[in-house]
Amino acid sequence: MELYASPFFFKSEGHVALSGLTERLELYIDGEWSRPLTGKQQDVINPATEERIGSAPEAGIADTERAIAAARAAFDDGPWPLMTMQERAGYLARMIDWLAEREGVLAGLCVAEIGAPLGLAGGMHAAMTIAQMRAALEHALRLRPRVLEPTLTRYPEAMGGQTVVGSYMIVHEPVGVASLFSAYNAPLLLNALKIIPALVAGNTAIVKAPPQSPLQTLVFADAAAAAGLPPGVLNVLTGTSIAVGELLSSDPRIDLVSFTGSDAVGARIMAQASPTIKRVFLELGGKSPLIVRKDADLDLAAGVGQSVYSVQAGQGCMLPTRHLVHQSVFDDYIERFTALAAKQISGDPANPNTTHGPLISAEHRDRVEAIVGRAVAQGAEVVFGGQRPPHLERGFFYEPSLLIGVQNQWEIAQTEIFGPVVVAMPFKDDDEAIALANDTVYGLSAHIISSDFGCALALASRIRSGEVYINGGSSALSPQQPYGGTKRSGFGYQGGDEGLTEYMNLKTVIYKAG
């Protein structure tokens, strides 16, 4: 497909295919498309142009009640939870194939809706989404009941005195009706990591799209309809209503809530779910450290640091935004890091040369700008960036930025900015590095750069986070890898076998073997 340099859209037949996914008038409830009972639509804005690219329906409470009732009936009375894993996987494989056939168009949608640079849109957002979905089905089809060693039990004489051999089998069952919430920064991938495991496990689901990027969520409804999923198994709601999210978190007909987003909203969801004792899975924010030891390969360190912190304009929960650098190599690291930053290109995300796209909205850009401004007022020094790109008159852009002279307790070092802003701080020894790394309310991800792998591995065991990359690791999220966090980064896992069993209950079947 050929791309315009502006306004970030596919030409000819690609443009037609993309426009078919941008003007959406209907919600997907109980296996049917229907207009929202609110009668309202929300505009979807291209963050790189500030222009309207389409619209999505505004679901209200009545629409949500319909979706919950449909999902509940599909679980309690429908065939879906009674099917074999292989039967459910067959439906979902057709869903995945439908999406895979449109991988290029989905990448274009990511460019237009969230401002993802073209290479990132085709790689992480589209191709990785398909790979993760296929892997989830493979994990499910490998799952088997677990049989424990038989146990010999002799009953007391008062109970008959007989000797019984007891056998035990552990089986997996669906939890029930799931509410699934994804974040705006990667809705294709995040929805895939929830929808496929939840459904293949036998649950039914209501998916609430992120308000800022609803279009990428609706494509899963398109795929479900094309695959012929039974009515009520997957329901998709879009819109900006907070009340809809509250109902999906609190209604007693919902058995499980899976949420990806900020820790503040995650805390509210826990509170809303607690009266009905729902299962809750939260993948929340991060303020991840990158530790550069004095024995580090500084070119490698600067390359790792530069390549990951501004992915999706820094709108990623796992990105390392606190660079902790040994004091003996601090100045050298800053020099190398700055040299690489000069090669970043902010602008048209459909241009293959662009490395840095926009933030999601004007409000979010203003928030990032304000946090940097307060840090400067406290005494921080802006090494590079710290402003809107002067050559871009439109779009919600903010330059990749590095600040030094920052204290770890400052707002800019403790708050998840969700923007392309890094703070660098020196440390004197490994103990101080670990103390700084752990001095945060978050614990999602971390990086260590060192030529001493044994030492790096020992340090990794001391960092309180769900994952640790040593010397860059792999930049790709492996389909076999579970990921999740500690502290205010949440609990539970996405991906891997663990990401599947989050959506399952364990049942022990005990029977006499003789």
Protein backbone atom coordinates (compact mmCIF):
# COMPACT_ATOMS: atom_id res chain seq x y z
CA MET A 1 0.00 0.00 0.00
CA GLU A 2 1.17 3.49 -0.79
CA LEU A 3 1.06 6.15 1.91
CA TYR A 4 0.41 9.84 1.83
CA ALA A 5 3.07 11.91 3.55
CA SER A 6 0.03 13.75 4.94
CA PRO A 7 -2.66 13.36 6.24
CA PHE A 8 -1.43 9.94 7.37
CA PHE A 9 -3.86 7.83 5.37
CA PHE A 10 -3.68 5.03 2.86
CA LYS A 11 -4.33 5.92 -0.77
CA SER A 12 -6.89 4.37 -3.11
CA GLU A 13 -8.12 0.92 -2.08
CA GLY A 14 -6.23 1.09 1.22
CA HIS A 15 -7.95 4.34 2.09
CA VAL A 16 -11.35 2.80 1.36
CA ALA A 17 -10.55 -0.21 3.56
CA LEU A 18 -9.39 2.02 6.40
CA SER A 19 -12.34 4.40 6.16
CA GLY A 20 -14.63 1.39 6.55
CA LEU A 21 -13.19 0.94 10.03
CA THR A 22 -13.43 4.57 11.09
CA GLU A 23 -17.09 5.58 10.72
CA ARG A 24 -18.75 3.27 13.23
CA LEU A 25 -22.41 3.77 14.15
CA GLU A 26 -23.22 0.55 16.00
CA LEU A 27 -22.30 -1.37 19.13
CA TYR A 28 -21.90 -5.16 19.09
CA ILE A 29 -24.25 -6.78 21.63
CA ASP A 30 -25.63 -10.33 21.76
CA GLY A 31 -24.26 -11.20 18.34
CA GLU A 32 -25.90 -8.24 16.60
CA TRP A 33 -24.98 -4.72 15.55
CA SER A 34 -27.25 -2.04 16.97
CA ARG A 35 -27.32 1.73 17.37
CA PRO A 36 -26.63 2.96 20.92
CA LEU A 37 -29.76 3.72 22.92
CA THR A 38 -28.20 7.06 23.82
CA GLY A 39 -28.43 8.10 20.18
CA LYS A 40 -25.00 9.69 20.51
CA GLN A 41 -21.65 9.40 18.71
CA GLN A 42 -18.14 10.44 19.75
CA ASP A 43 -15.66 11.93 17.31
CA VAL A 44 -12.31 10.18 16.91
CA ILE A 45 -9.40 12.56 16.40
CA ASN A 46 -6.10 11.86 14.65
CA PRO A 47 -3.54 13.04 17.26
CA ALA A 48 -0.99 13.91 14.58
CA THR A 49 -3.29 16.22 12.62
CA GLU A 50 -5.94 17.18 15.18
CA GLU A 51 -8.49 16.30 12.49
CA ARG A 52 -11.53 14.10 12.80
CA ILE A 53 -10.98 10.67 11.24
CA GLY A 54 -14.27 9.04 12.19
CA SER A 55 -16.68 8.34 15.00
CA ALA A 56 -17.79 5.64 17.39
CA PRO A 57 -21.08 5.03 19.20
CA GLU A 58 -21.58 6.32 22.75
CA ALA A 59 -22.81 3.43 24.88
CA GLY A 60 -24.91 4.28 27.91
CA ILE A 61 -26.21 2.42 30.94
CA ALA A 62 -29.10 0.81 29.04
CA ASP A 63 -26.70 -0.51 26.38
CA THR A 64 -24.42 -1.86 29.09
CA GLU A 65 -27.33 -3.59 30.83
CA ARG A 66 -28.13 -5.30 27.54
CA ALA A 67 -24.53 -6.41 27.09
CA ILE A 68 -24.26 -7.80 30.64
CA ALA A 69 -27.55 -9.68 30.27
CA ALA A 70 -26.40 -11.13 26.95
CA ALA A 71 -23.06 -12.27 28.31
CA ARG A 72 -24.70 -13.73 31.43
CA ALA A 73 -27.24 -15.70 29.39
CA ALA A 74 -24.55 -16.91 26.98
CA PHE A 75 -22.55 -18.26 29.90
CA ASP A 76 -25.38 -19.70 31.99
CA ASP A 77 -27.54 -21.11 29.19
CA GLY A 78 -25.48 -21.01 26.01
CA PRO A 79 -23.25 -23.63 24.44
CA TRP A 80 -19.96 -21.73 24.79
CA PRO A 81 -18.72 -22.88 28.25
CA LEU A 82 -19.87 -26.45 27.51
CA MET A 83 -17.82 -26.72 24.33
CA THR A 84 -14.46 -28.44 24.35
CA MET A 85 -11.36 -26.28 24.29
CA GLN A 86 -10.75 -27.45 20.73
CA GLU A 87 -14.22 -26.34 19.62
CA ARG A 88 -13.79 -22.87 21.11
CA ALA A 89 -10.31 -22.60 19.64
CA GLY A 90 -11.77 -23.31 16.20
CA TYR A 91 -14.04 -20.27 16.41
CA LEU A 92 -11.25 -18.08 17.70
CA ALA A 93 -8.82 -19.27 15.04
CA ARG A 94 -11.28 -17.99 12.44
CA MET A 95 -11.37 -14.65 14.27
CA ILE A 96 -7.59 -14.46 14.20
CA ASP A 97 -7.42 -15.39 10.52
CA TRP A 98 -9.91 -12.61 9.72
CA LEU A 99 -7.71 -10.08 11.53
CA ALA A 100 -4.49 -11.45 10.04
CA GLU A 101 -5.87 -11.00 6.51
CA ARG A 102 -6.27 -7.29 7.34
CA GLU A 103 -2.95 -6.81 9.13
CA GLY A 104 -1.84 -3.95 6.88
CA VAL A 105 -5.11 -2.10 7.26
CA LEU A 106 -4.97 -2.56 11.04
CA ALA A 107 -1.49 -1.02 11.04
CA GLY A 108 -2.90 1.94 9.12
CA LEU A 109 -5.64 2.28 11.72
CA CYS A 110 -2.99 2.43 14.46
CA VAL A 111 -1.21 5.20 12.57
CA ALA A 112 -4.39 7.22 12.18
CA GLU A 113 -6.02 6.64 15.56
CA ILE A 114 -3.13 6.71 18.06
CA GLY A 115 -0.30 8.23 16.01
CA ALA A 116 1.90 5.14 16.05
CA PRO A 117 4.90 5.51 13.71
CA LEU A 118 4.47 3.25 10.71
CA GLY A 119 7.18 0.73 11.64
CA LEU A 120 5.83 0.39 15.17
CA ALA A 121 2.25 0.12 13.91
CA GLY A 122 3.12 -2.75 11.60
CA GLY A 123 5.39 -4.48 14.12
CA MET A 124 4.25 -4.21 17.70
CA HIS A 125 0.67 -3.17 17.13
CA ALA A 126 -0.37 -5.41 14.23
CA ALA A 127 2.06 -8.31 13.74
CA MET A 128 2.71 -8.88 17.45
CA THR A 129 -1.03 -8.85 18.12
CA ILE A 130 -1.59 -11.68 15.65
CA ALA A 131 1.34 -13.65 17.09
CA GLN A 132 0.10 -13.25 20.66
CA MET A 133 -3.39 -14.42 19.75
CA ARG A 134 -2.14 -17.52 17.97
CA ALA A 135 0.13 -18.31 20.93
CA ALA A 136 -2.79 -18.03 23.36
CA LEU A 137 -4.64 -20.71 21.43
CA GLU A 138 -1.56 -22.94 21.47
CA HIS A 139 -1.29 -22.54 25.25
CA ALA A 140 -4.95 -23.46 25.64
CA LEU A 141 -4.74 -26.56 23.49
CA ARG A 142 -1.79 -27.86 25.54
CA LEU A 143 -3.70 -27.58 28.81
CA ARG A 144 -4.60 -30.90 30.41
CA PRO A 145 -6.17 -32.02 33.71
CA ARG A 146 -3.56 -32.84 36.38
CA VAL A 147 -3.88 -36.15 38.22
CA LEU A 148 -2.33 -36.36 41.70
CA GLU A 149 -0.79 -39.42 43.32
CA PRO A 150 -3.48 -41.66 44.88
CA THR A 151 -3.79 -41.42 48.65
CA LEU A 152 -4.53 -44.40 50.95
CA THR A 153 -6.98 -43.48 53.73
CA ARG A 154 -8.24 -45.74 56.57
CA TYR A 155 -11.45 -44.52 58.18
CA PRO A 156 -11.97 -44.87 61.98
CA GLU A 157 -13.97 -47.88 63.18
CA ALA A 158 -16.85 -45.57 64.05
CA MET A 159 -17.02 -44.65 60.38
CA GLY A 160 -16.84 -48.22 59.09
CA GLY A 161 -13.11 -48.86 59.32
CA GLN A 162 -12.67 -49.43 55.62
CA THR A 163 -9.54 -48.56 53.67
CA VAL A 164 -10.07 -46.33 50.64
CA VAL A 165 -7.76 -45.30 47.85
CA GLY A 166 -8.57 -41.70 46.98
CA SER A 167 -7.68 -40.21 43.64
CA TYR A 168 -7.56 -36.53 42.75
CA MET A 169 -7.83 -34.72 39.46
CA ILE A 170 -7.31 -30.96 39.01
CA VAL A 171 -9.34 -29.45 36.17
CA HIS A 172 -9.65 -25.93 34.79
CA GLU A 173 -13.01 -24.24 34.37
CA PRO A 174 -14.10 -20.79 33.15
CA VAL A 175 -14.76 -18.12 35.76
CA GLY A 176 -17.95 -16.77 34.17
CA VAL A 177 -18.69 -13.33 32.71
CA ALA A 178 -15.64 -11.09 32.27
CA SER A 179 -15.39 -7.32 31.89
CA LEU A 180 -12.31 -6.43 29.85
CA PHE A 181 -10.79 -2.94 29.82
CA SER A 182 -7.75 -2.04 27.69
CA ALA A 183 -5.66 1.14 27.48
CA TYR A 184 -5.50 3.65 24.64
CA ASN A 185 -1.79 3.30 23.88
CA ALA A 186 -1.97 -0.21 22.35
CA PRO A 187 -5.62 -1.28 22.12
CA LEU A 188 -5.05 -3.94 19.45
CA LEU A 189 -2.41 -5.78 21.45
CA LEU A 190 -3.96 -5.26 24.87
CA ASN A 191 -7.40 -6.38 23.73
CA ALA A 192 -5.89 -9.47 22.12
CA LEU A 193 -4.09 -10.38 25.34
CA LYS A 194 -7.45 -10.37 27.13
CA ILE A 195 -10.10 -11.45 24.62
CA ILE A 196 -8.51 -14.65 23.32
CA PRO A 197 -7.50 -16.14 26.72
CA ALA A 198 -10.83 -15.16 28.28
CA LEU A 199 -12.92 -16.68 25.50
CA VAL A 200 -10.91 -19.82 24.82
CA ALA A 201 -11.13 -20.60 28.55
CA GLY A 202 -14.92 -20.66 28.17
CA ASN A 203 -15.86 -17.28 29.62
CA THR A 204 -18.13 -14.79 27.95
CA ALA A 205 -17.06 -11.15 27.85
CA ILE A 206 -17.99 -7.50 27.60
CA VAL A 207 -15.15 -5.40 26.21
CA LYS A 208 -15.07 -1.70 27.08
CA ALA A 209 -12.97 0.21 24.56
CA PRO A 210 -10.65 3.00 25.75
CA PRO A 211 -12.41 6.32 25.07
CA GLN A 212 -9.44 7.80 23.17
CA SER A 213 -9.05 4.88 20.74
CA PRO A 214 -12.33 2.98 20.25
CA LEU A 215 -11.90 1.98 16.61
CA GLN A 216 -9.24 -0.67 17.18
CA THR A 217 -11.50 -2.39 19.72
CA LEU A 218 -14.46 -2.58 17.35
CA VAL A 219 -12.44 -4.65 14.87
CA PHE A 220 -12.60 -7.55 17.34
CA ALA A 221 -16.39 -7.38 17.07
CA ASP A 222 -16.04 -7.47 13.27
CA ALA A 223 -13.86 -10.55 13.60
CA ALA A 224 -16.28 -12.24 16.04
CA ALA A 225 -19.20 -11.66 13.69
CA ALA A 226 -17.21 -13.00 10.73
CA ALA A 227 -16.19 -16.10 12.72
CA GLY A 228 -19.78 -16.83 13.77
CA LEU A 229 -19.29 -16.71 17.53
CA PRO A 230 -22.51 -17.64 19.35
CA PRO A 231 -24.61 -14.66 20.47
CA GLY A 232 -23.52 -13.00 23.69
CA VAL A 233 -20.07 -14.57 23.84
CA LEU A 234 -18.33 -11.31 22.92
CA ASN A 235 -19.93 -7.90 23.37
CA VAL A 236 -18.15 -4.63 22.54
CA LEU A 237 -19.00 -1.23 23.98
CA THR A 238 -17.45 2.10 23.07
CA GLY A 239 -17.88 5.60 24.44
CA THR A 240 -16.69 8.02 27.08
CA SER A 241 -19.15 7.32 29.91
CA ILE A 242 -17.54 6.78 33.31
CA ALA A 243 -20.82 5.30 34.57
CA VAL A 244 -20.54 2.47 32.02
CA GLY A 245 -17.14 1.48 33.40
CA GLU A 246 -18.43 1.64 36.96
CA LEU A 247 -21.31 -0.69 36.12
CA LEU A 248 -18.98 -3.17 34.42
CA SER A 249 -16.82 -3.19 37.56
CA SER A 250 -19.59 -3.45 40.15
CA ASP A 251 -22.53 -5.37 38.71
CA PRO A 252 -23.06 -8.70 40.53
CA ARG A 253 -23.59 -10.48 37.21
CA ILE A 254 -19.92 -9.88 36.38
CA ASP A 255 -17.53 -12.50 37.76
CA LEU A 256 -14.14 -11.15 36.65
CA VAL A 257 -12.67 -7.75 35.80
CA SER A 258 -9.45 -7.41 33.79
CA PHE A 259 -8.14 -3.85 33.54
CA THR A 260 -5.09 -2.24 31.96
CA GLY A 261 -4.56 1.43 32.71
CA SER A 262 -3.51 3.85 35.42
CA ASP A 263 -3.08 2.88 39.05
CA ALA A 264 -5.58 5.55 40.10
CA VAL A 265 -8.36 4.04 37.98
CA GLY A 266 -7.26 0.54 38.97
CA ALA A 267 -7.75 1.41 42.63
CA ARG A 268 -11.27 2.63 41.91
CA ILE A 269 -12.06 -0.57 40.03
CA MET A 270 -10.90 -2.66 43.00
CA ALA A 271 -13.18 -0.65 45.27
CA GLN A 272 -16.14 -1.04 42.91
CA ALA A 273 -15.55 -4.80 42.57
CA SER A 274 -15.00 -5.55 46.25
CA PRO A 275 -18.64 -5.67 47.49
CA THR A 276 -19.34 -8.61 45.17
CA ILE A 277 -15.93 -10.30 45.70
CA LYS A 278 -15.08 -10.44 42.02
CA ARG A 279 -11.82 -11.73 40.68
CA VAL A 280 -9.82 -8.69 39.62
CA PHE A 281 -6.73 -8.57 37.41
CA LEU A 282 -4.88 -5.24 37.16
CA GLU A 283 -2.01 -4.31 34.85
CA LEU A 284 -1.24 -0.75 35.85
CA GLY A 285 1.45 1.89 35.61
CA GLY A 286 5.20 1.93 35.98
CA LYS A 287 8.19 4.14 36.63
CA SER A 288 10.80 1.70 35.48
CA PRO A 289 14.53 2.11 36.19
CA LEU A 290 17.44 1.51 33.84
CA ILE A 291 20.60 0.81 35.88
CA VAL A 292 23.90 1.51 34.09
CA ARG A 293 26.79 0.04 36.09
CA LYS A 294 30.32 1.40 35.88
CA ASP A 295 31.40 -1.68 33.86
CA ALA A 296 28.61 -1.21 31.30
CA ASP A 297 29.16 -0.97 27.56
CA LEU A 298 28.03 2.65 27.31
CA ASP A 299 27.16 2.48 23.62
CA LEU A 300 24.91 -0.47 24.41
CA ALA A 301 23.45 1.32 27.44
CA ALA A 302 22.69 4.50 25.52
CA GLY A 303 21.24 2.49 22.65
CA VAL A 304 18.95 0.50 24.93
CA GLY A 305 17.90 3.59 26.83
CA GLN A 306 17.22 5.60 23.70
CA SER A 307 15.42 2.81 21.83
CA VAL A 308 12.78 2.09 24.43
CA TYR A 309 11.91 5.14 26.52
CA SER A 310 10.08 7.04 23.76
CA VAL A 311 8.24 4.12 22.13
CA GLN A 312 4.72 5.28 21.25
CA ALA A 313 5.82 8.78 22.36
CA GLY A 314 6.60 7.39 25.80
CA GLN A 315 3.05 6.16 26.30
CA GLY A 316 3.97 2.75 27.63
CA CYS A 317 3.75 1.42 31.16
CA MET A 318 6.93 -0.71 30.96
CA LEU A 319 9.26 1.93 29.48
CA PRO A 320 12.36 2.83 31.55
CA THR A 321 12.04 6.52 32.36
CA ARG A 322 14.46 6.70 35.33
CA HIS A 323 18.05 6.18 34.19
CA LEU A 324 20.30 5.41 37.16
CA VAL A 325 23.91 5.75 36.04
CA HIS A 326 27.10 5.11 38.00
CA GLN A 327 28.68 8.44 38.86
CA SER A 328 31.99 7.53 37.21
CA VAL A 329 30.37 7.16 33.77
CA PHE A 330 27.43 9.55 34.18
CA ASP A 331 28.73 12.37 31.95
CA ASP A 332 29.87 9.95 29.25
CA TYR A 333 26.47 8.23 29.25
CA ILE A 334 24.62 11.53 28.97
CA GLU A 335 26.80 12.56 26.02
CA ARG A 336 26.14 9.30 24.14
CA PHE A 337 22.46 9.29 25.00
CA THR A 338 22.12 12.87 23.77
CA ALA A 339 23.89 12.09 20.51
CA LEU A 340 21.40 9.31 19.78
CA ALA A 341 18.47 11.53 20.74
CA ALA A 342 19.51 14.00 18.03
CA LYS A 343 18.65 11.32 15.47
CA GLN A 344 15.02 11.10 16.59
CA ILE A 345 12.57 12.42 14.00
CA SER A 346 9.26 13.81 15.23
CA GLY A 347 6.47 14.17 12.72
CA ASP A 348 4.18 12.39 10.30
CA PRO A 349 3.81 8.87 11.74
CA ALA A 350 3.00 7.50 8.28
CA ASN A 351 6.44 8.53 7.05
CA PRO A 352 8.77 5.49 7.34
CA ASN A 353 11.56 7.78 8.55
CA THR A 354 9.58 9.07 11.54
CA THR A 355 10.63 7.63 14.88
CA HIS A 356 8.52 9.74 17.21
CA GLY A 357 4.78 10.37 16.95
CA PRO A 358 2.29 12.43 18.94
CA LEU A 359 0.75 12.05 22.36
CA ILE A 360 -2.87 10.97 22.40
CA SER A 361 -4.51 14.33 23.14
CA ALA A 362 -3.97 18.01 23.82
CA GLU A 363 -4.93 17.47 27.46
CA HIS A 364 -2.30 14.80 27.90
CA ARG A 365 0.38 16.89 26.18
CA ASP A 366 -0.47 19.76 28.52
CA ARG A 367 -0.06 17.43 31.52
CA VAL A 368 3.38 16.24 30.35
CA GLU A 369 4.43 19.82 29.69
CA ALA A 370 3.28 20.91 33.15
CA ILE A 371 5.22 18.15 34.94
CA VAL A 372 8.42 19.09 33.11
CA GLY A 373 7.81 22.76 33.90
CA ARG A 374 7.45 22.05 37.61
CA ALA A 375 10.67 20.02 37.61
CA VAL A 376 12.57 22.89 35.98
CA ALA A 377 11.15 25.24 38.60
CA GLN A 378 12.56 22.88 41.27
CA GLY A 379 16.01 23.13 39.72
CA ALA A 380 16.16 20.39 37.08
CA GLU A 381 18.22 20.98 33.93
CA VAL A 382 16.81 20.13 30.52
CA VAL A 383 19.60 18.50 28.50
CA PHE A 384 17.45 18.21 25.37
CA GLY A 385 13.78 18.47 24.46
CA GLY A 386 11.46 19.90 27.06
CA GLN A 387 9.16 21.55 24.53
CA ARG A 388 6.77 21.07 21.64
CA PRO A 389 8.62 20.56 18.33
CA PRO A 390 8.79 24.07 16.84
CA HIS A 391 8.52 22.79 13.26
CA LEU A 392 5.16 21.08 13.85
CA GLU A 393 2.26 23.50 13.98
CA ARG A 394 -0.43 20.84 14.42
CA GLY A 395 -0.63 17.61 16.34
CA PHE A 396 -0.17 16.75 20.01
CA PHE A 397 3.61 16.41 19.80
CA TYR A 398 6.15 16.76 22.59
CA GLU A 399 9.86 16.35 22.01
CA PRO A 400 11.81 13.42 23.50
CA SER A 401 13.30 14.96 26.63
CA LEU A 402 16.07 14.33 29.15
CA LEU A 403 16.39 16.07 32.51
CA ILE A 404 19.24 15.88 35.02
CA GLY A 405 19.78 17.49 38.42
CA VAL A 406 16.66 15.66 39.64
CA GLN A 407 16.05 14.11 43.05
CA ASN A 408 14.37 10.71 43.18
CA GLN A 409 11.62 11.96 45.49
CA TRP A 410 10.53 14.69 43.06
CA GLU A 411 7.26 14.40 41.19
CA ILE A 412 8.98 13.93 37.83
CA ALA A 413 10.89 10.91 39.18
CA GLN A 414 7.92 9.34 40.98
CA THR A 415 4.90 10.03 38.75
CA GLU A 416 4.14 7.96 35.68
CA ILE A 417 4.26 10.72 33.07
CA PHE A 418 3.25 8.50 30.12
CA GLY A 419 5.26 10.70 27.82
CA PRO A 420 8.75 10.82 26.23
CA VAL A 421 10.49 12.19 29.33
CA VAL A 422 13.52 10.62 31.02
CA VAL A 423 15.30 11.69 34.17
CA ALA A 424 18.92 10.61 34.74
CA MET A 425 20.43 10.39 38.23
CA PRO A 426 23.91 9.26 39.36
CA PHE A 427 24.60 6.59 41.98
CA LYS A 428 27.79 5.66 43.83
CA ASP A 429 27.45 1.84 44.23
CA ASP A 430 25.15 -1.08 43.56
CA ASP A 431 23.37 -0.78 46.91
CA GLU A 432 22.41 2.81 46.17
CA ALA A 433 21.29 1.85 42.66
CA ILE A 434 18.95 -0.81 44.06
CA ALA A 435 17.66 1.55 46.72
CA LEU A 436 16.83 4.16 44.07
CA ALA A 437 15.33 1.57 41.74
CA ASN A 438 12.99 0.27 44.45
CA ASP A 439 12.12 3.71 45.82
CA THR A 440 8.89 3.98 43.85
CA VAL A 441 5.30 2.89 44.33
CA TYR A 442 5.53 0.94 41.06
CA GLY A 443 7.17 -2.37 40.18
CA LEU A 444 6.49 -3.35 36.59
CA SER A 445 9.78 -3.50 34.70
CA ALA A 446 13.51 -2.74 35.03
CA HIS A 447 16.73 -2.79 32.99
CA ILE A 448 20.33 -3.51 34.00
CA ILE A 449 23.35 -2.88 31.76
CA SER A 450 26.57 -4.57 32.91
CA SER A 451 29.44 -6.57 31.44
CA ASP A 452 29.29 -8.84 34.52
CA PHE A 453 26.28 -11.04 33.88
CA GLY A 454 26.52 -12.80 37.24
CA CYS A 455 26.45 -9.49 39.07
CA ALA A 456 23.57 -8.25 36.91
CA LEU A 457 21.63 -11.41 37.67
CA ALA A 458 22.19 -10.92 41.39
CA LEU A 459 20.98 -7.32 41.12
CA ALA A 460 17.93 -8.45 39.18
CA SER A 461 16.87 -10.59 42.13
CA ARG A 462 16.91 -7.50 44.37
CA ILE A 463 14.70 -5.33 42.18
CA ARG A 464 11.00 -5.42 43.02
CA SER A 465 9.47 -5.68 39.58
CA GLY A 466 7.62 -8.14 37.41
CA GLU A 467 10.37 -8.33 34.80
CA VAL A 468 14.03 -7.38 34.43
CA TYR A 469 15.93 -6.96 31.15
CA ILE A 470 19.69 -7.56 31.29
CA ASN A 471 21.75 -5.84 28.57
CA GLY A 472 18.61 -5.08 26.60
CA GLY A 473 17.27 -8.61 26.48
CA SER A 474 14.81 -8.76 23.61
CA SER A 475 12.78 -5.74 22.63
CA ALA A 476 9.92 -8.02 21.60
CA LEU A 477 7.30 -9.35 23.98
CA SER A 478 7.60 -13.13 23.62
CA PRO A 479 4.31 -14.96 23.09
CA GLN A 480 5.54 -17.42 25.74
CA GLN A 481 6.27 -14.71 28.30
CA PRO A 482 3.90 -13.80 31.12
CA TYR A 483 4.18 -10.22 32.29
CA GLY A 484 2.72 -8.37 35.21
CA GLY A 485 3.83 -6.23 38.11
CA THR A 486 4.14 -5.72 41.85
CA LYS A 487 3.11 -2.92 44.20
CA ARG A 488 0.94 -0.29 42.46
CA SER A 489 1.78 -1.81 39.09
CA GLY A 490 -0.94 -4.33 39.84
CA PHE A 491 -1.23 -8.10 40.01
CA GLY A 492 -1.96 -10.97 37.66
CA TYR A 493 -0.35 -11.81 34.34
CA GLN A 494 -0.90 -11.37 30.63
CA GLY A 495 0.66 -13.69 28.07
CA GLY A 496 2.06 -17.19 28.41
CA ASP A 497 0.36 -20.05 30.26
CA GLU A 498 -0.18 -17.77 33.23
CA GLY A 499 -2.11 -15.28 31.12
CA LEU A 500 -4.52 -18.07 30.18
CA THR A 501 -5.12 -19.41 33.68
CA GLU A 502 -5.94 -15.90 34.96
CA TYR A 503 -9.32 -16.53 33.30
CA MET A 504 -9.86 -19.97 34.84
CA ASN A 505 -10.93 -21.49 38.13
CA LEU A 506 -9.33 -24.64 39.48
CA LYS A 507 -11.58 -27.47 40.57
CA THR A 508 -10.42 -30.61 42.38
CA VAL A 509 -12.37 -33.77 41.59
CA ILE A 510 -11.89 -36.42 44.31
CA TYR A 511 -13.01 -39.98 43.67
CA LYS A 512 -12.52 -43.51 44.92
CA ALA A 513 -10.12 -45.56 42.88
CA GLY A 514 -10.70 -48.80 44.75
